[in-house]
Amino acid sequence: MLANLSEDEGVTSEILATTLGIKLSRVNHHLRNFLDAGLVYRKK
């Protein structure tokens, strides 16, 4: 999955959920925790 990411484009939570085979709500929950910890950043 990481090999498919570009430094400039990123990835959506929908793509993560589909790729990982888990619910979007679970992805968003964990992404929010990663954001709070400073491990990922959000590009709007």
PDB file of N, CA and C in Angstrom:
ATOM      1  N   MET A   1       0.823  -1.177   0.000  1.00  0.00           N
ATOM      2  CA  MET A   1       0.000   0.000   0.000  1.00  0.00           C
ATOM      3  C   MET A   1       0.874   1.249   0.000  1.00  0.00           C
ATOM      4  N   LEU A   2       1.899   1.279   0.825  1.00  0.00           N
ATOM      5  CA  LEU A   2       2.753   2.455   0.890  1.00  0.00           C
ATOM      6  C   LEU A   2       3.520   2.688  -0.404  1.00  0.00           C
ATOM      7  N   ALA A   3       3.818   1.625  -1.124  1.00  0.00           N
ATOM      8  CA  ALA A   3       4.533   1.770  -2.388  1.00  0.00           C
ATOM      9  C   ALA A   3       3.706   2.514  -3.424  1.00  0.00           C
ATOM     10  N   ASN A   4       2.380   2.505  -3.264  1.00  0.00           N
ATOM     11  CA  ASN A   4       1.508   3.177  -4.217  1.00  0.00           C
ATOM     12  C   ASN A   4       1.302   4.655  -3.919  1.00  0.00           C
ATOM     13  N   LEU A   5       1.797   5.124  -2.793  1.00  0.00           N
ATOM     14  CA  LEU A   5       1.589   6.516  -2.399  1.00  0.00           C
ATOM     15  C   LEU A   5       2.649   7.422  -3.010  1.00  0.00           C
ATOM     16  N   SER A   6       2.212   8.577  -3.403  1.00  0.00           N
ATOM     17  CA  SER A   6       3.117   9.605  -3.887  1.00  0.00           C
ATOM     18  C   SER A   6       3.308  10.616  -2.764  1.00  0.00           C
ATOM     19  N   GLU A   7       4.471  11.192  -2.670  1.00  0.00           N
ATOM     20  CA  GLU A   7       4.719  12.192  -1.637  1.00  0.00           C
ATOM     21  C   GLU A   7       3.803  13.400  -1.805  1.00  0.00           C
ATOM     22  N   ASP A   8       3.384  13.677  -3.010  1.00  0.00           N
ATOM     23  CA  ASP A   8       2.580  14.865  -3.277  1.00  0.00           C
ATOM     24  C   ASP A   8       1.083  14.623  -3.174  1.00  0.00           C
ATOM     25  N   GLU A   9       0.614  13.409  -3.401  1.00  0.00           N
ATOM     26  CA  GLU A   9      -0.820  13.162  -3.506  1.00  0.00           C
ATOM     27  C   GLU A   9      -1.468  12.650  -2.236  1.00  0.00           C
ATOM     28  N   GLY A  10      -0.805  11.812  -1.476  1.00  0.00           N
ATOM     29  CA  GLY A  10      -1.409  11.263  -0.272  1.00  0.00           C
ATOM     30  C   GLY A  10      -2.433  10.198  -0.594  1.00  0.00           C
ATOM     31  N   VAL A  11      -3.292   9.940   0.383  1.00  0.00           N
ATOM     32  CA  VAL A  11      -4.299   8.890   0.235  1.00  0.00           C
ATOM     33  C   VAL A  11      -5.528   9.282   1.049  1.00  0.00           C
ATOM     34  N   THR A  12      -6.694   8.919   0.579  1.00  0.00           N
ATOM     35  CA  THR A  12      -7.927   9.232   1.296  1.00  0.00           C
ATOM     36  C   THR A  12      -8.243   8.135   2.309  1.00  0.00           C
ATOM     37  N   SER A  13      -9.074   8.487   3.278  1.00  0.00           N
ATOM     38  CA  SER A  13      -9.485   7.487   4.262  1.00  0.00           C
ATOM     39  C   SER A  13     -10.328   6.399   3.603  1.00  0.00           C
ATOM     40  N   GLU A  14     -11.064   6.748   2.553  1.00  0.00           N
ATOM     41  CA  GLU A  14     -11.848   5.750   1.823  1.00  0.00           C
ATOM     42  C   GLU A  14     -10.954   4.714   1.158  1.00  0.00           C
ATOM     43  N   ILE A  15      -9.871   5.171   0.579  1.00  0.00           N
ATOM     44  CA  ILE A  15      -8.918   4.240  -0.056  1.00  0.00           C
ATOM     45  C   ILE A  15      -8.290   3.338   1.002  1.00  0.00           C
ATOM     46  N   LEU A  16      -7.927   3.913   2.143  1.00  0.00           N
ATOM     47  CA  LEU A  16      -7.361   3.091   3.222  1.00  0.00           C
ATOM     48  C   LEU A  16      -8.345   2.022   3.674  1.00  0.00           C
ATOM     49  N   ALA A  17      -9.603   2.407   3.883  1.00  0.00           N
ATOM     50  CA  ALA A  17     -10.612   1.453   4.338  1.00  0.00           C
ATOM     51  C   ALA A  17     -10.795   0.320   3.336  1.00  0.00           C
ATOM     52  N   THR A  18     -10.875   0.666   2.066  1.00  0.00           N
ATOM     53  CA  THR A  18     -11.054  -0.348   1.030  1.00  0.00           C
ATOM     54  C   THR A  18      -9.847  -1.273   0.945  1.00  0.00           C
ATOM     55  N   THR A  19      -8.663  -0.689   0.950  1.00  0.00           N
ATOM     56  CA  THR A  19      -7.431  -1.474   0.845  1.00  0.00           C
ATOM     57  C   THR A  19      -7.248  -2.405   2.035  1.00  0.00           C
ATOM     58  N   LEU A  20      -7.575  -1.911   3.215  1.00  0.00           N
ATOM     59  CA  LEU A  20      -7.389  -2.704   4.432  1.00  0.00           C
ATOM     60  C   LEU A  20      -8.569  -3.617   4.737  1.00  0.00           C
ATOM     61  N   GLY A  21      -9.690  -3.391   4.048  1.00  0.00           N
ATOM     62  CA  GLY A  21     -10.871  -4.222   4.271  1.00  0.00           C
ATOM     63  C   GLY A  21     -11.544  -3.962   5.606  1.00  0.00           C
ATOM     64  N   ILE A  22     -11.504  -2.714   6.059  1.00  0.00           N
ATOM     65  CA  ILE A  22     -12.146  -2.361   7.325  1.00  0.00           C
ATOM     66  C   ILE A  22     -13.105  -1.194   7.105  1.00  0.00           C
ATOM     67  N   LYS A  23     -13.950  -0.934   8.098  1.00  0.00           N
ATOM     68  CA  LYS A  23     -14.942   0.120   7.982  1.00  0.00           C
ATOM     69  C   LYS A  23     -14.283   1.497   7.992  1.00  0.00           C
ATOM     70  N   LEU A  24     -14.902   2.415   7.260  1.00  0.00           N
ATOM     71  CA  LEU A  24     -14.412   3.786   7.194  1.00  0.00           C
ATOM     72  C   LEU A  24     -14.386   4.431   8.581  1.00  0.00           C
ATOM     73  N   SER A  25     -15.369   4.140   9.389  1.00  0.00           N
ATOM     74  CA  SER A  25     -15.413   4.725  10.732  1.00  0.00           C
ATOM     75  C   SER A  25     -14.206   4.310  11.565  1.00  0.00           C
ATOM     76  N   ARG A  26     -13.755   3.077  11.404  1.00  0.00           N
ATOM     77  CA  ARG A  26     -12.578   2.603  12.144  1.00  0.00           C
ATOM     78  C   ARG A  26     -11.314   3.307  11.650  1.00  0.00           C
ATOM     79  N   VAL A  27     -11.203   3.474  10.335  1.00  0.00           N
ATOM     80  CA  VAL A  27     -10.056   4.207   9.772  1.00  0.00           C
ATOM     81  C   VAL A  27     -10.032   5.624  10.326  1.00  0.00           C
ATOM     82  N   ASN A  28     -11.184   6.295  10.299  1.00  0.00           N
ATOM     83  CA  ASN A  28     -11.243   7.677  10.776  1.00  0.00           C
ATOM     84  C   ASN A  28     -10.906   7.779  12.259  1.00  0.00           C
ATOM     85  N   HIS A  29     -11.338   6.814  13.041  1.00  0.00           N
ATOM     86  CA  HIS A  29     -11.019   6.798  14.468  1.00  0.00           C
ATOM     87  C   HIS A  29      -9.503   6.761  14.674  1.00  0.00           C
ATOM     88  N   HIS A  30      -8.841   5.848  13.989  1.00  0.00           N
ATOM     89  CA  HIS A  30      -7.400   5.709  14.156  1.00  0.00           C
ATOM     90  C   HIS A  30      -6.642   6.884  13.547  1.00  0.00           C
ATOM     91  N   LEU A  31      -7.110   7.395  12.426  1.00  0.00           N
ATOM     92  CA  LEU A  31      -6.456   8.565  11.833  1.00  0.00           C
ATOM     93  C   LEU A  31      -6.529   9.762  12.772  1.00  0.00           C
ATOM     94  N   ARG A  32      -7.670   9.926  13.422  1.00  0.00           N
ATOM     95  CA  ARG A  32      -7.828  11.029  14.387  1.00  0.00           C
ATOM     96  C   ARG A  32      -6.804  10.882  15.530  1.00  0.00           C
ATOM     97  N   ASN A  33      -6.611   9.652  16.000  1.00  0.00           N
ATOM     98  CA  ASN A  33      -5.599   9.423  17.037  1.00  0.00           C
ATOM     99  C   ASN A  33      -4.197   9.719  16.529  1.00  0.00           C
ATOM    100  N   PHE A  34      -3.893   9.318  15.293  1.00  0.00           N
ATOM    101  CA  PHE A  34      -2.582   9.603  14.705  1.00  0.00           C
ATOM    102  C   PHE A  34      -2.371  11.102  14.527  1.00  0.00           C
ATOM    103  N   LEU A  35      -3.430  11.809  14.124  1.00  0.00           N
ATOM    104  CA  LEU A  35      -3.350  13.265  13.983  1.00  0.00           C
ATOM    105  C   LEU A  35      -3.046  13.920  15.324  1.00  0.00           C
ATOM    106  N   ASP A  36      -3.757  13.504  16.350  1.00  0.00           N
ATOM    107  CA  ASP A  36      -3.556  14.062  17.688  1.00  0.00           C
ATOM    108  C   ASP A  36      -2.141  13.816  18.197  1.00  0.00           C
ATOM    109  N   ALA A  37      -1.568  12.681  17.823  1.00  0.00           N
ATOM    110  CA  ALA A  37      -0.209  12.327  18.253  1.00  0.00           C
ATOM    111  C   ALA A  37       0.861  12.962  17.375  1.00  0.00           C
ATOM    112  N   GLY A  38       0.461  13.573  16.266  1.00  0.00           N
ATOM    113  CA  GLY A  38       1.420  14.201  15.362  1.00  0.00           C
ATOM    114  C   GLY A  38       2.115  13.230  14.430  1.00  0.00           C
ATOM    115  N   LEU A  39       1.549  12.031  14.274  1.00  0.00           N
ATOM    116  CA  LEU A  39       2.180  11.022  13.427  1.00  0.00           C
ATOM    117  C   LEU A  39       1.803  11.167  11.951  1.00  0.00           C
ATOM    118  N   VAL A  40       0.654  11.772  11.678  1.00  0.00           N
ATOM    119  CA  VAL A  40       0.235  12.048  10.309  1.00  0.00           C
ATOM    120  C   VAL A  40      -0.291  13.481  10.251  1.00  0.00           C
ATOM    121  N   TYR A  41      -0.377  14.015   9.059  1.00  0.00           N
ATOM    122  CA  TYR A  41      -0.958  15.341   8.909  1.00  0.00           C
ATOM    123  C   TYR A  41      -2.052  15.288   7.859  1.00  0.00           C
ATOM    124  N   ARG A  42      -2.952  16.238   7.964  1.00  0.00           N
ATOM    125  CA  ARG A  42      -4.109  16.279   7.093  1.00  0.00           C
ATOM    126  C   ARG A  42      -3.947  17.405   6.090  1.00  0.00           C
ATOM    127  N   LYS A  43      -4.122  17.064   4.847  1.00  0.00           N
ATOM    128  CA  LYS A  43      -4.055  18.039   3.766  1.00  0.00           C
ATOM    129  C   LYS A  43      -5.473  18.283   3.283  1.00  0.00           C
ATOM    130  N   LYS A  44      -5.916  19.522   3.361  1.00  0.00           N
ATOM    131  CA  LYS A  44      -7.292  19.842   2.947  1.00  0.00           C
ATOM    132  C   LYS A  44      -7.344  20.357   1.539  1.00  0.00           C
TER     133      LYS A  44
END
